[in-house]
Amino acid sequence: MKKSAPPKPAAPRTQPKILPSKTIVAVDNATVYSAPSLDSVIAATLWYGFEIKASGTQPEFISIDQGYISKTVVTSYTPITPKTVKIQGEKGYFFSTPSTESPGRGYAIKDALVQVVGERGDWYYGSTVDANGKALVGFVSKSVAY
């Protein structure tokens, strides 16, 4: 009777690491309130792109260390390994949120390099320098920057 080799253990399956999405301020000046009410005392003001570290949520507010911020002034993206993409169209428009319906933040010209750190659907979140040499941060369509 011939002994067969013991079965090889199955290689462990590694799940791709899924990073939690980042929530950021989606307006130039976001008011932080001392209580979850627009009528409460203003505790602070945060700027566009500030990362929100939630400590809890209310129906219309997110609780953060500084107080409460309205859910209407934030957006989110999924972090990716940072990379550089190039504006392929004549202009690459940047928006406050991943939507052409949101306020525009400016545009970069053809062949401008964009440093992207996140994505949401068909949008990248990143930064570049605009035609006037100013830093430009926001969401740009993947159909324009790749």
N, C-alpha and C. Protein backbone atom coordinates (compact mmCIF):
# COMPACT_ATOMS: atom_id res chain seq x y z
N MET A 1 0.84 -1.17 0.00
CA MET A 1 0.00 0.00 0.00
C MET A 1 0.90 1.24 0.00
N LYS A 2 0.70 2.06 -0.99
CA LYS A 2 1.52 3.25 -1.16
C LYS A 2 0.91 4.42 -0.40
N LYS A 3 1.75 5.12 0.36
CA LYS A 3 1.26 6.27 1.11
C LYS A 3 1.22 7.47 0.19
N SER A 4 0.13 8.18 0.20
CA SER A 4 0.05 9.40 -0.60
C SER A 4 0.57 10.56 0.24
N ALA A 5 1.05 11.57 -0.44
CA ALA A 5 1.58 12.75 0.25
C ALA A 5 0.45 13.44 0.99
N PRO A 6 0.76 13.99 2.16
CA PRO A 6 -0.32 14.69 2.87
C PRO A 6 -0.80 15.88 2.03
N PRO A 7 -2.07 16.20 2.12
CA PRO A 7 -2.58 17.31 1.31
C PRO A 7 -1.90 18.62 1.72
N LYS A 8 -1.61 19.43 0.72
CA LYS A 8 -0.98 20.72 1.00
C LYS A 8 -2.04 21.65 1.57
N PRO A 9 -1.67 22.41 2.59
CA PRO A 9 -2.66 23.35 3.11
C PRO A 9 -2.99 24.40 2.06
N ALA A 10 -4.24 24.78 2.02
CA ALA A 10 -4.67 25.80 1.05
C ALA A 10 -4.00 27.12 1.39
N ALA A 11 -3.60 27.82 0.36
CA ALA A 11 -2.99 29.14 0.58
C ALA A 11 -4.05 30.06 1.18
N PRO A 12 -3.68 30.81 2.19
CA PRO A 12 -4.69 31.70 2.77
C PRO A 12 -5.14 32.74 1.75
N ARG A 13 -6.41 32.97 1.73
CA ARG A 13 -6.94 33.98 0.81
C ARG A 13 -6.80 35.34 1.48
N THR A 14 -6.18 36.23 0.78
CA THR A 14 -6.04 37.57 1.35
C THR A 14 -7.12 38.46 0.74
N GLN A 15 -7.84 39.08 1.61
CA GLN A 15 -8.87 40.01 1.16
C GLN A 15 -8.20 41.33 0.83
N PRO A 16 -8.63 41.98 -0.26
CA PRO A 16 -8.05 43.30 -0.51
C PRO A 16 -8.42 44.23 0.65
N LYS A 17 -7.47 45.03 1.05
CA LYS A 17 -7.71 45.93 2.17
C LYS A 17 -8.67 47.03 1.71
N ILE A 18 -9.78 47.12 2.37
CA ILE A 18 -10.76 48.16 2.03
C ILE A 18 -10.60 49.28 3.04
N LEU A 19 -10.23 50.43 2.53
CA LEU A 19 -10.05 51.59 3.39
C LEU A 19 -11.40 52.27 3.62
N PRO A 20 -11.63 52.73 4.83
CA PRO A 20 -12.88 53.44 5.07
C PRO A 20 -12.87 54.76 4.30
N SER A 21 -14.05 55.20 3.92
CA SER A 21 -14.10 56.46 3.18
C SER A 21 -13.75 57.62 4.12
N LYS A 22 -13.28 58.70 3.53
CA LYS A 22 -12.96 59.91 4.28
C LYS A 22 -14.06 60.92 4.03
N THR A 23 -14.49 61.56 5.09
CA THR A 23 -15.50 62.60 4.99
C THR A 23 -14.78 63.93 5.12
N ILE A 24 -15.08 64.83 4.18
CA ILE A 24 -14.42 66.14 4.17
C ILE A 24 -15.46 67.25 4.07
N VAL A 25 -15.04 68.45 4.46
CA VAL A 25 -15.87 69.65 4.29
C VAL A 25 -15.95 69.95 2.79
N ALA A 26 -17.18 70.20 2.28
CA ALA A 26 -17.40 70.41 0.85
C ALA A 26 -17.73 71.86 0.51
N VAL A 27 -17.56 72.76 1.45
CA VAL A 27 -17.80 74.19 1.21
C VAL A 27 -16.57 74.97 1.69
N ASP A 28 -16.46 76.22 1.25
CA ASP A 28 -15.28 77.01 1.63
C ASP A 28 -15.21 77.29 3.12
N ASN A 29 -16.36 77.56 3.74
CA ASN A 29 -16.40 77.85 5.17
C ASN A 29 -17.58 77.10 5.79
N ALA A 30 -17.28 76.06 6.56
CA ALA A 30 -18.32 75.26 7.20
C ALA A 30 -18.41 75.64 8.67
N THR A 31 -19.61 75.97 9.09
CA THR A 31 -19.84 76.35 10.49
C THR A 31 -19.96 75.11 11.36
N VAL A 32 -19.26 75.15 12.49
CA VAL A 32 -19.38 74.10 13.50
C VAL A 32 -20.16 74.71 14.65
N TYR A 33 -21.23 74.04 15.05
CA TYR A 33 -22.12 74.54 16.09
C TYR A 33 -21.84 73.85 17.42
N SER A 34 -22.18 74.53 18.51
CA SER A 34 -21.95 73.98 19.84
C SER A 34 -22.97 72.90 20.21
N ALA A 35 -24.10 72.86 19.50
CA ALA A 35 -25.14 71.85 19.70
C ALA A 35 -25.69 71.47 18.33
N PRO A 36 -26.39 70.34 18.22
CA PRO A 36 -26.91 69.91 16.91
C PRO A 36 -28.13 70.74 16.47
N SER A 37 -27.90 72.05 16.30
CA SER A 37 -28.96 72.97 15.88
C SER A 37 -28.33 74.15 15.18
N LEU A 38 -28.92 74.59 14.08
CA LEU A 38 -28.41 75.75 13.36
C LEU A 38 -28.59 77.03 14.17
N ASP A 39 -29.39 76.97 15.22
CA ASP A 39 -29.63 78.13 16.08
C ASP A 39 -28.65 78.20 17.25
N SER A 40 -27.79 77.20 17.40
CA SER A 40 -26.87 77.19 18.54
C SER A 40 -25.66 78.08 18.27
N VAL A 41 -24.85 78.26 19.29
CA VAL A 41 -23.66 79.10 19.22
C VAL A 41 -22.64 78.50 18.25
N ILE A 42 -21.99 79.36 17.46
CA ILE A 42 -20.96 78.90 16.54
C ILE A 42 -19.68 78.61 17.33
N ALA A 43 -19.19 77.39 17.19
CA ALA A 43 -18.00 76.96 17.93
C ALA A 43 -16.72 77.10 17.11
N ALA A 44 -16.82 76.97 15.80
CA ALA A 44 -15.64 77.03 14.93
C ALA A 44 -16.09 77.12 13.48
N THR A 45 -15.13 77.39 12.61
CA THR A 45 -15.37 77.37 11.17
C THR A 45 -14.26 76.53 10.54
N LEU A 46 -14.65 75.60 9.68
CA LEU A 46 -13.68 74.72 9.02
C LEU A 46 -13.64 75.04 7.53
N TRP A 47 -12.54 74.73 6.88
CA TRP A 47 -12.31 75.07 5.48
C TRP A 47 -12.53 73.86 4.57
N TYR A 48 -12.63 74.14 3.26
CA TYR A 48 -12.82 73.10 2.26
C TYR A 48 -11.71 72.05 2.36
N GLY A 49 -12.10 70.79 2.34
CA GLY A 49 -11.16 69.69 2.36
C GLY A 49 -10.77 69.21 3.75
N PHE A 50 -11.17 69.94 4.81
CA PHE A 50 -10.86 69.52 6.18
C PHE A 50 -11.47 68.15 6.42
N GLU A 51 -10.66 67.21 6.90
CA GLU A 51 -11.17 65.86 7.15
C GLU A 51 -11.95 65.81 8.44
N ILE A 52 -13.17 65.30 8.36
CA ILE A 52 -14.08 65.20 9.50
C ILE A 52 -13.85 63.86 10.19
N LYS A 53 -13.55 63.90 11.47
CA LYS A 53 -13.41 62.69 12.28
C LYS A 53 -14.65 62.62 13.17
N ALA A 54 -15.64 61.88 12.73
CA ALA A 54 -16.91 61.81 13.44
C ALA A 54 -16.79 61.02 14.73
N SER A 55 -17.40 61.56 15.78
CA SER A 55 -17.47 60.82 17.04
C SER A 55 -18.89 60.34 17.28
N GLY A 56 -19.80 60.71 16.38
CA GLY A 56 -21.19 60.28 16.46
C GLY A 56 -22.01 61.00 15.40
N THR A 57 -23.27 60.58 15.25
CA THR A 57 -24.14 61.25 14.29
C THR A 57 -25.50 61.51 14.89
N GLN A 58 -26.11 62.54 14.39
CA GLN A 58 -27.48 62.91 14.71
C GLN A 58 -28.23 62.82 13.37
N PRO A 59 -29.55 62.98 13.36
CA PRO A 59 -30.24 62.91 12.06
C PRO A 59 -29.69 63.89 11.01
N GLU A 60 -29.35 65.11 11.40
CA GLU A 60 -28.91 66.11 10.43
C GLU A 60 -27.49 66.61 10.68
N PHE A 61 -26.83 66.09 11.71
CA PHE A 61 -25.51 66.58 12.08
C PHE A 61 -24.54 65.44 12.33
N ILE A 62 -23.25 65.78 12.22
CA ILE A 62 -22.18 64.86 12.59
C ILE A 62 -21.51 65.47 13.81
N SER A 63 -21.30 64.66 14.83
CA SER A 63 -20.63 65.11 16.04
C SER A 63 -19.13 64.97 15.84
N ILE A 64 -18.38 66.05 16.08
CA ILE A 64 -16.93 66.04 15.98
C ILE A 64 -16.36 66.66 17.25
N ASP A 65 -15.05 66.60 17.42
CA ASP A 65 -14.43 67.15 18.63
C ASP A 65 -14.79 68.62 18.85
N GLN A 66 -14.87 69.39 17.77
CA GLN A 66 -15.12 70.82 17.88
C GLN A 66 -16.59 71.17 18.13
N GLY A 67 -17.51 70.22 17.88
CA GLY A 67 -18.94 70.48 18.05
C GLY A 67 -19.75 69.66 17.07
N TYR A 68 -20.67 70.32 16.36
CA TYR A 68 -21.57 69.63 15.43
C TYR A 68 -21.53 70.33 14.07
N ILE A 69 -21.44 69.53 13.00
CA ILE A 69 -21.41 70.08 11.66
C ILE A 69 -22.56 69.47 10.85
N SER A 70 -23.22 70.30 10.06
CA SER A 70 -24.36 69.85 9.27
C SER A 70 -23.91 68.84 8.21
N LYS A 71 -24.70 67.80 8.01
CA LYS A 71 -24.40 66.80 7.00
C LYS A 71 -24.49 67.39 5.59
N THR A 72 -25.14 68.55 5.44
CA THR A 72 -25.30 69.16 4.11
C THR A 72 -24.03 69.82 3.59
N VAL A 73 -23.01 69.99 4.44
CA VAL A 73 -21.80 70.69 4.00
C VAL A 73 -20.58 69.76 3.93
N VAL A 74 -20.84 68.45 3.88
CA VAL A 74 -19.74 67.48 3.79
C VAL A 74 -19.95 66.55 2.60
N THR A 75 -18.88 65.90 2.18
CA THR A 75 -18.93 64.87 1.16
C THR A 75 -17.88 63.83 1.52
N SER A 76 -17.78 62.77 0.74
CA SER A 76 -16.80 61.74 1.07
C SER A 76 -16.17 61.16 -0.19
N TYR A 77 -15.04 60.48 0.02
CA TYR A 77 -14.36 59.77 -1.04
C TYR A 77 -13.63 58.59 -0.42
N THR A 78 -13.24 57.65 -1.27
CA THR A 78 -12.48 56.49 -0.82
C THR A 78 -11.01 56.73 -1.11
N PRO A 79 -10.15 56.65 -0.09
CA PRO A 79 -8.71 56.85 -0.33
C PRO A 79 -8.16 55.79 -1.27
N ILE A 80 -7.23 56.20 -2.13
CA ILE A 80 -6.53 55.27 -3.02
C ILE A 80 -5.04 55.51 -2.85
N THR A 81 -4.24 54.61 -3.39
CA THR A 81 -2.80 54.85 -3.40
C THR A 81 -2.57 56.10 -4.25
N PRO A 82 -1.92 57.10 -3.71
CA PRO A 82 -1.74 58.34 -4.47
C PRO A 82 -1.09 58.08 -5.83
N LYS A 83 -1.57 58.80 -6.83
CA LYS A 83 -1.01 58.68 -8.17
C LYS A 83 -1.19 59.99 -8.90
N THR A 84 -0.54 60.10 -10.05
CA THR A 84 -0.62 61.30 -10.86
C THR A 84 -1.37 60.97 -12.14
N VAL A 85 -2.34 61.82 -12.47
CA VAL A 85 -3.06 61.71 -13.73
C VAL A 85 -2.90 63.04 -14.47
N LYS A 86 -3.28 63.05 -15.74
CA LYS A 86 -3.09 64.25 -16.56
C LYS A 86 -4.43 64.72 -17.12
N ILE A 87 -4.64 66.03 -17.15
CA ILE A 87 -5.85 66.59 -17.77
C ILE A 87 -5.74 66.34 -19.27
N GLN A 88 -6.72 65.63 -19.82
CA GLN A 88 -6.68 65.25 -21.23
C GLN A 88 -7.49 66.20 -22.12
N GLY A 89 -8.49 66.87 -21.54
CA GLY A 89 -9.30 67.81 -22.32
C GLY A 89 -8.66 69.19 -22.31
N GLU A 90 -9.29 70.14 -22.99
CA GLU A 90 -8.77 71.51 -23.00
C GLU A 90 -8.74 72.10 -21.60
N LYS A 91 -9.77 71.78 -20.81
CA LYS A 91 -9.85 72.23 -19.42
C LYS A 91 -10.36 71.08 -18.57
N GLY A 92 -9.83 70.98 -17.36
CA GLY A 92 -10.33 69.99 -16.40
C GLY A 92 -10.95 70.76 -15.25
N TYR A 93 -12.27 70.73 -15.19
CA TYR A 93 -12.99 71.47 -14.14
C TYR A 93 -13.00 70.70 -12.84
N PHE A 94 -12.78 71.39 -11.75
CA PHE A 94 -12.80 70.82 -10.41
C PHE A 94 -14.06 71.28 -9.70
N PHE A 95 -14.69 70.36 -8.96
CA PHE A 95 -15.94 70.65 -8.26
C PHE A 95 -15.79 70.35 -6.78
N SER A 96 -16.67 70.95 -5.97
CA SER A 96 -16.64 70.78 -4.52
C SER A 96 -17.00 69.37 -4.09
N THR A 97 -17.90 68.74 -4.84
CA THR A 97 -18.33 67.36 -4.57
C THR A 97 -18.23 66.59 -5.88
N PRO A 98 -18.38 65.27 -5.86
CA PRO A 98 -18.30 64.51 -7.10
C PRO A 98 -19.57 64.66 -7.94
N SER A 99 -19.83 65.90 -8.39
CA SER A 99 -21.02 66.18 -9.20
C SER A 99 -20.84 67.51 -9.93
N THR A 100 -21.23 67.55 -11.19
CA THR A 100 -21.16 68.82 -11.93
C THR A 100 -22.22 69.80 -11.44
N GLU A 101 -23.14 69.32 -10.60
CA GLU A 101 -24.17 70.19 -10.01
C GLU A 101 -23.63 70.97 -8.81
N SER A 102 -22.47 70.56 -8.29
CA SER A 102 -21.91 71.25 -7.12
C SER A 102 -21.11 72.47 -7.58
N PRO A 103 -20.80 73.37 -6.65
CA PRO A 103 -20.03 74.56 -7.02
C PRO A 103 -18.68 74.22 -7.64
N GLY A 104 -18.34 74.97 -8.69
CA GLY A 104 -17.04 74.80 -9.32
C GLY A 104 -15.95 75.42 -8.45
N ARG A 105 -14.77 74.83 -8.47
CA ARG A 105 -13.65 75.34 -7.68
C ARG A 105 -12.57 75.94 -8.58
N GLY A 106 -12.71 75.76 -9.88
CA GLY A 106 -11.73 76.27 -10.83
C GLY A 106 -11.41 75.19 -11.85
N TYR A 107 -10.40 75.46 -12.67
CA TYR A 107 -10.04 74.45 -13.66
C TYR A 107 -8.53 74.45 -13.90
N ALA A 108 -8.07 73.33 -14.43
CA ALA A 108 -6.68 73.17 -14.82
C ALA A 108 -6.66 73.02 -16.34
N ILE A 109 -5.56 73.45 -16.96
CA ILE A 109 -5.47 73.40 -18.42
C ILE A 109 -4.98 72.03 -18.89
N LYS A 110 -5.12 71.81 -20.20
CA LYS A 110 -4.70 70.55 -20.83
C LYS A 110 -3.26 70.22 -20.43
N ASP A 111 -3.01 68.96 -20.16
CA ASP A 111 -1.72 68.40 -19.78
C ASP A 111 -1.27 68.73 -18.35
N ALA A 112 -2.10 69.45 -17.59
CA ALA A 112 -1.75 69.70 -16.18
C ALA A 112 -1.75 68.37 -15.44
N LEU A 113 -0.80 68.21 -14.52
CA LEU A 113 -0.71 66.99 -13.73
C LEU A 113 -1.53 67.17 -12.45
N VAL A 114 -2.31 66.15 -12.12
CA VAL A 114 -3.17 66.17 -10.94
C VAL A 114 -2.72 65.06 -10.00
N GLN A 115 -2.46 65.42 -8.75
CA GLN A 115 -2.09 64.43 -7.73
C GLN A 115 -3.39 63.96 -7.08
N VAL A 116 -3.78 62.71 -7.33
CA VAL A 116 -5.04 62.22 -6.78
C VAL A 116 -4.78 61.30 -5.59
N VAL A 117 -5.65 61.43 -4.58
CA VAL A 117 -5.52 60.64 -3.36
C VAL A 117 -6.80 59.87 -3.04
N GLY A 118 -7.85 60.10 -3.84
CA GLY A 118 -9.11 59.43 -3.58
C GLY A 118 -9.99 59.39 -4.81
N GLU A 119 -11.06 58.61 -4.68
CA GLU A 119 -12.02 58.53 -5.78
C GLU A 119 -13.41 58.25 -5.23
N ARG A 120 -14.39 58.62 -6.03
CA ARG A 120 -15.78 58.30 -5.71
C ARG A 120 -16.50 58.16 -7.04
N GLY A 121 -16.83 56.93 -7.37
CA GLY A 121 -17.49 56.67 -8.65
C GLY A 121 -16.59 57.08 -9.80
N ASP A 122 -17.10 57.95 -10.68
CA ASP A 122 -16.37 58.39 -11.86
C ASP A 122 -15.54 59.64 -11.62
N TRP A 123 -15.20 59.90 -10.36
CA TRP A 123 -14.49 61.12 -10.00
C TRP A 123 -13.22 60.81 -9.21
N TYR A 124 -12.21 61.64 -9.42
CA TYR A 124 -11.01 61.63 -8.60
C TYR A 124 -11.07 62.81 -7.65
N TYR A 125 -10.47 62.65 -6.47
CA TYR A 125 -10.28 63.76 -5.54
C TYR A 125 -8.79 64.02 -5.49
N GLY A 126 -8.40 65.25 -5.80
CA GLY A 126 -6.97 65.55 -5.81
C GLY A 126 -6.69 67.02 -5.94
N SER A 127 -5.43 67.31 -6.26
CA SER A 127 -5.00 68.70 -6.35
C SER A 127 -4.06 68.92 -7.52
N THR A 128 -4.00 70.16 -7.96
CA THR A 128 -3.12 70.58 -9.04
C THR A 128 -2.88 72.06 -8.88
N VAL A 129 -2.28 72.66 -9.88
CA VAL A 129 -2.08 74.10 -9.91
C VAL A 129 -2.90 74.63 -11.08
N ASP A 130 -3.70 75.69 -10.84
CA ASP A 130 -4.53 76.22 -11.91
C ASP A 130 -3.71 77.09 -12.86
N ALA A 131 -4.37 77.66 -13.86
CA ALA A 131 -3.68 78.47 -14.88
C ALA A 131 -2.99 79.70 -14.28
N ASN A 132 -3.42 80.14 -13.09
CA ASN A 132 -2.82 81.31 -12.44
C ASN A 132 -1.75 80.93 -11.42
N GLY A 133 -1.42 79.65 -11.33
CA GLY A 133 -0.39 79.21 -10.41
C GLY A 133 -0.87 78.98 -8.99
N LYS A 134 -2.20 79.00 -8.78
CA LYS A 134 -2.75 78.78 -7.44
C LYS A 134 -3.10 77.30 -7.25
N ALA A 135 -2.98 76.85 -6.00
CA ALA A 135 -3.35 75.47 -5.69
C ALA A 135 -4.85 75.29 -5.91
N LEU A 136 -5.21 74.16 -6.48
CA LEU A 136 -6.61 73.85 -6.79
C LEU A 136 -6.89 72.45 -6.26
N VAL A 137 -7.90 72.34 -5.40
CA VAL A 137 -8.25 71.06 -4.79
C VAL A 137 -9.73 70.80 -5.03
N GLY A 138 -10.06 69.56 -5.35
CA GLY A 138 -11.47 69.21 -5.52
C GLY A 138 -11.62 67.91 -6.28
N PHE A 139 -12.82 67.71 -6.82
CA PHE A 139 -13.16 66.51 -7.58
C PHE A 139 -13.11 66.82 -9.06
N VAL A 140 -12.42 65.97 -9.83
CA VAL A 140 -12.33 66.12 -11.28
C VAL A 140 -12.78 64.80 -11.91
N SER A 141 -13.51 64.90 -13.00
CA SER A 141 -14.05 63.72 -13.66
C SER A 141 -12.95 62.84 -14.23
N LYS A 142 -13.11 61.51 -14.07
CA LYS A 142 -12.16 60.56 -14.61
C LYS A 142 -12.19 60.57 -16.14
N SER A 143 -13.25 61.12 -16.73
CA SER A 143 -13.32 61.18 -18.19
C SER A 143 -12.44 62.31 -18.74
N VAL A 144 -11.98 63.20 -17.87
CA VAL A 144 -11.13 64.33 -18.27
C VAL A 144 -9.70 64.15 -17.78
N ALA A 145 -9.54 63.54 -16.61
CA ALA A 145 -8.21 63.35 -16.03
C ALA A 145 -7.94 61.86 -15.88
N TYR A 146 -6.91 61.39 -16.59
CA TYR A 146 -6.55 59.96 -16.50
C TYR A 146 -5.12 59.77 -16.93
